[in-house]
């Protein structure tokens, strides 16, 4: 399960609006959001929502309020991620 619907709600965007931005039908996008999503689709959704790809799949408990970093589910401290 992805966090796409949660991110849409946080940003005040509807699934219809995202589908229109991506140039796909709402039904097709809804099926992908609820089921198996191709990595190419996930990348397009992340780009359209202006979020890192990992945020679509992260547990909401470990994503900080500003959505820029992961939080440790045990201590609540930020986890630094370096991309090489």
N, C-alpha and C. Protein backbone atom coordinates (compact mmCIF):
# COMPACT_ATOMS: atom_id res chain seq x y z
N UNK A 1 0.84 -1.18 0.00
CA UNK A 1 0.00 0.00 0.00
C UNK A 1 0.88 1.24 0.00
N UNK A 2 0.51 2.20 -0.77
CA UNK A 2 1.30 3.43 -0.86
C UNK A 2 0.66 4.55 -0.04
N UNK A 3 1.39 5.63 0.10
CA UNK A 3 0.90 6.80 0.82
C UNK A 3 0.35 7.85 -0.14
N UNK A 4 0.11 7.50 -1.39
CA UNK A 4 -0.30 8.49 -2.38
C UNK A 4 -1.55 9.24 -1.92
N UNK A 5 -2.56 8.52 -1.48
CA UNK A 5 -3.80 9.20 -1.06
C UNK A 5 -3.56 10.13 0.12
N UNK A 6 -2.71 9.71 1.04
CA UNK A 6 -2.39 10.55 2.20
C UNK A 6 -1.66 11.82 1.75
N UNK A 7 -0.72 11.68 0.84
CA UNK A 7 0.02 12.84 0.34
C UNK A 7 -0.91 13.77 -0.43
N UNK A 8 -1.82 13.19 -1.23
CA UNK A 8 -2.79 14.02 -1.94
C UNK A 8 -3.63 14.83 -0.96
N UNK A 9 -4.09 14.19 0.10
CA UNK A 9 -4.91 14.87 1.10
C UNK A 9 -4.12 16.00 1.77
N UNK A 10 -2.85 15.71 2.12
CA UNK A 10 -2.00 16.73 2.75
C UNK A 10 -1.84 17.95 1.85
N UNK A 11 -1.79 17.73 0.54
CA UNK A 11 -1.54 18.81 -0.41
C UNK A 11 -2.81 19.41 -0.99
N UNK A 12 -3.97 18.85 -0.63
CA UNK A 12 -5.23 19.37 -1.14
C UNK A 12 -5.44 19.09 -2.61
N UNK A 13 -4.92 17.96 -3.08
CA UNK A 13 -5.05 17.58 -4.49
C UNK A 13 -5.94 16.35 -4.56
N UNK A 14 -6.81 16.30 -5.55
CA UNK A 14 -7.67 15.13 -5.71
C UNK A 14 -6.99 14.11 -6.62
N UNK A 15 -7.46 12.88 -6.54
CA UNK A 15 -6.97 11.83 -7.41
C UNK A 15 -7.25 12.18 -8.87
N UNK A 16 -8.41 12.80 -9.11
CA UNK A 16 -8.75 13.25 -10.47
C UNK A 16 -7.73 14.25 -10.99
N UNK A 17 -7.35 15.21 -10.16
CA UNK A 17 -6.37 16.22 -10.57
C UNK A 17 -5.01 15.59 -10.88
N UNK A 18 -4.59 14.64 -10.04
CA UNK A 18 -3.32 13.96 -10.28
C UNK A 18 -3.38 13.16 -11.57
N UNK A 19 -4.49 12.46 -11.78
CA UNK A 19 -4.65 11.67 -13.01
C UNK A 19 -4.56 12.58 -14.23
N UNK A 20 -5.20 13.74 -14.15
CA UNK A 20 -5.17 14.69 -15.27
C UNK A 20 -3.74 15.18 -15.52
N UNK A 21 -3.02 15.46 -14.44
CA UNK A 21 -1.63 15.90 -14.56
C UNK A 21 -0.77 14.84 -15.23
N UNK A 22 -1.03 13.57 -14.89
CA UNK A 22 -0.25 12.46 -15.43
C UNK A 22 -0.74 12.01 -16.80
N UNK A 23 -1.91 12.49 -17.20
CA UNK A 23 -2.46 12.11 -18.50
C UNK A 23 -3.00 10.70 -18.55
N UNK A 24 -3.55 10.25 -17.40
CA UNK A 24 -4.17 8.91 -17.34
C UNK A 24 -5.58 9.06 -16.77
N UNK A 25 -6.38 8.00 -16.90
CA UNK A 25 -7.73 8.07 -16.33
C UNK A 25 -7.67 7.91 -14.82
N UNK A 26 -8.67 8.45 -14.16
CA UNK A 26 -8.75 8.32 -12.70
C UNK A 26 -8.83 6.86 -12.30
N UNK A 27 -9.59 6.07 -13.06
CA UNK A 27 -9.76 4.66 -12.75
C UNK A 27 -8.43 3.91 -12.84
N UNK A 28 -7.66 4.18 -13.89
CA UNK A 28 -6.36 3.52 -14.05
C UNK A 28 -5.41 3.90 -12.92
N UNK A 29 -5.39 5.18 -12.57
CA UNK A 29 -4.53 5.63 -11.50
C UNK A 29 -4.97 5.03 -10.16
N UNK A 30 -6.27 5.00 -9.92
CA UNK A 30 -6.80 4.44 -8.69
C UNK A 30 -6.40 2.98 -8.52
N UNK A 31 -6.48 2.21 -9.60
CA UNK A 31 -6.09 0.79 -9.55
C UNK A 31 -4.61 0.66 -9.21
N UNK A 32 -3.78 1.51 -9.78
CA UNK A 32 -2.35 1.43 -9.51
C UNK A 32 -2.03 1.85 -8.08
N UNK A 33 -2.71 2.87 -7.60
CA UNK A 33 -2.46 3.35 -6.23
C UNK A 33 -2.86 2.28 -5.21
N UNK A 34 -3.93 1.56 -5.49
CA UNK A 34 -4.43 0.56 -4.55
C UNK A 34 -3.78 -0.81 -4.72
N UNK A 35 -3.17 -1.05 -5.86
CA UNK A 35 -2.60 -2.36 -6.12
C UNK A 35 -1.12 -2.29 -6.40
N UNK A 36 -0.71 -3.13 -7.34
CA UNK A 36 0.70 -3.16 -7.74
C UNK A 36 0.99 -1.99 -8.66
N UNK A 37 2.00 -1.23 -8.31
CA UNK A 37 2.35 -0.05 -9.08
C UNK A 37 3.69 -0.28 -9.78
N UNK A 38 3.75 0.03 -11.05
CA UNK A 38 5.01 -0.05 -11.77
C UNK A 38 5.94 1.06 -11.28
N UNK A 39 7.23 0.78 -11.26
CA UNK A 39 8.18 1.78 -10.79
C UNK A 39 8.12 3.04 -11.63
N UNK A 40 7.87 2.89 -12.93
CA UNK A 40 7.77 4.05 -13.80
C UNK A 40 6.60 4.94 -13.39
N UNK A 41 5.49 4.31 -13.04
CA UNK A 41 4.31 5.06 -12.58
C UNK A 41 4.61 5.74 -11.25
N UNK A 42 5.25 5.03 -10.34
CA UNK A 42 5.60 5.60 -9.04
C UNK A 42 6.52 6.81 -9.21
N UNK A 43 7.47 6.72 -10.12
CA UNK A 43 8.37 7.85 -10.36
C UNK A 43 7.60 9.06 -10.89
N UNK A 44 6.64 8.83 -11.79
CA UNK A 44 5.84 9.93 -12.33
C UNK A 44 4.97 10.56 -11.25
N UNK A 45 4.39 9.72 -10.40
CA UNK A 45 3.55 10.24 -9.31
C UNK A 45 4.39 11.05 -8.34
N UNK A 46 5.56 10.54 -7.96
CA UNK A 46 6.44 11.26 -7.04
C UNK A 46 6.85 12.60 -7.63
N UNK A 47 7.17 12.62 -8.91
CA UNK A 47 7.56 13.87 -9.56
C UNK A 47 6.38 14.85 -9.58
N UNK A 48 5.19 14.35 -9.91
CA UNK A 48 4.00 15.22 -9.97
C UNK A 48 3.66 15.79 -8.60
N UNK A 49 3.92 15.01 -7.54
CA UNK A 49 3.62 15.48 -6.18
C UNK A 49 4.81 16.19 -5.55
N UNK A 50 5.94 16.21 -6.27
CA UNK A 50 7.16 16.85 -5.78
C UNK A 50 7.61 16.27 -4.45
N UNK A 51 7.64 14.94 -4.38
CA UNK A 51 8.13 14.24 -3.19
C UNK A 51 9.14 13.19 -3.62
N UNK A 52 10.08 12.83 -2.73
CA UNK A 52 11.00 11.75 -3.07
C UNK A 52 10.22 10.44 -3.25
N UNK A 53 10.71 9.59 -4.12
CA UNK A 53 10.04 8.33 -4.41
C UNK A 53 9.78 7.50 -3.15
N UNK A 54 10.73 7.49 -2.22
CA UNK A 54 10.57 6.65 -1.02
C UNK A 54 9.35 7.05 -0.20
N UNK A 55 8.95 8.33 -0.29
CA UNK A 55 7.80 8.77 0.52
C UNK A 55 6.50 8.10 0.11
N UNK A 56 6.41 7.62 -1.12
CA UNK A 56 5.18 6.96 -1.55
C UNK A 56 4.99 5.62 -0.84
N UNK A 57 6.08 5.07 -0.33
CA UNK A 57 6.02 3.73 0.26
C UNK A 57 6.36 3.69 1.74
N UNK A 58 6.79 4.80 2.31
CA UNK A 58 7.20 4.84 3.71
C UNK A 58 5.99 4.78 4.64
N UNK A 59 6.19 4.16 5.78
CA UNK A 59 5.17 4.13 6.83
C UNK A 59 4.96 5.57 7.29
N UNK A 60 3.73 6.05 7.36
CA UNK A 60 3.49 7.45 7.75
C UNK A 60 4.06 7.80 9.11
N UNK A 61 4.24 6.82 9.97
CA UNK A 61 4.78 7.06 11.31
C UNK A 61 6.23 7.52 11.24
N UNK A 62 6.96 7.09 10.21
CA UNK A 62 8.38 7.42 10.15
C UNK A 62 8.69 8.61 9.25
N UNK A 63 7.68 9.23 8.67
CA UNK A 63 7.90 10.41 7.84
C UNK A 63 7.66 11.65 8.69
N UNK A 64 8.62 12.58 8.67
CA UNK A 64 8.49 13.78 9.49
C UNK A 64 7.35 14.65 8.97
N UNK A 65 6.92 15.58 9.80
CA UNK A 65 5.81 16.46 9.42
C UNK A 65 6.09 17.26 8.17
N UNK A 66 7.35 17.66 7.97
CA UNK A 66 7.63 18.43 6.76
C UNK A 66 7.92 17.53 5.57
N UNK A 67 7.96 16.20 5.80
CA UNK A 67 8.09 15.25 4.71
C UNK A 67 9.46 15.17 4.08
N UNK A 68 10.46 15.77 4.71
CA UNK A 68 11.78 15.79 4.10
C UNK A 68 12.72 14.72 4.64
N UNK A 69 12.36 14.06 5.70
CA UNK A 69 13.27 13.05 6.25
C UNK A 69 12.48 11.95 6.95
N UNK A 70 13.19 10.87 7.21
CA UNK A 70 12.60 9.76 7.96
C UNK A 70 12.86 9.97 9.44
N UNK A 71 11.92 9.51 10.25
CA UNK A 71 12.10 9.54 11.69
C UNK A 71 12.18 8.10 12.19
N UNK A 72 13.06 7.86 13.15
CA UNK A 72 13.19 6.54 13.73
C UNK A 72 11.89 6.20 14.45
N UNK A 73 11.29 5.03 14.15
CA UNK A 73 10.03 4.67 14.80
C UNK A 73 10.19 4.36 16.28
N UNK A 74 11.43 4.18 16.72
CA UNK A 74 11.66 3.84 18.13
C UNK A 74 11.94 5.07 18.99
N UNK A 75 12.85 5.95 18.51
CA UNK A 75 13.22 7.10 19.33
C UNK A 75 12.68 8.42 18.80
N UNK A 76 12.18 8.43 17.56
CA UNK A 76 11.63 9.65 16.97
C UNK A 76 12.66 10.62 16.43
N UNK A 77 13.93 10.26 16.45
CA UNK A 77 14.98 11.11 15.94
C UNK A 77 15.09 10.99 14.42
N UNK A 78 15.54 12.05 13.76
CA UNK A 78 15.69 12.00 12.30
C UNK A 78 16.75 10.97 11.89
N UNK A 79 16.50 10.32 10.76
CA UNK A 79 17.44 9.39 10.18
C UNK A 79 18.01 10.05 8.92
N UNK A 80 19.32 10.16 8.85
CA UNK A 80 19.97 10.79 7.71
C UNK A 80 20.17 9.74 6.63
N UNK A 81 19.75 10.08 5.42
CA UNK A 81 19.90 9.19 4.27
C UNK A 81 20.77 9.90 3.26
N UNK A 82 21.86 9.24 2.88
CA UNK A 82 22.76 9.80 1.87
C UNK A 82 22.60 9.01 0.60
N UNK A 83 22.38 9.69 -0.51
CA UNK A 83 22.25 9.05 -1.81
C UNK A 83 23.59 9.17 -2.51
N UNK A 84 24.13 8.04 -2.92
CA UNK A 84 25.44 8.05 -3.59
C UNK A 84 25.30 7.66 -5.02
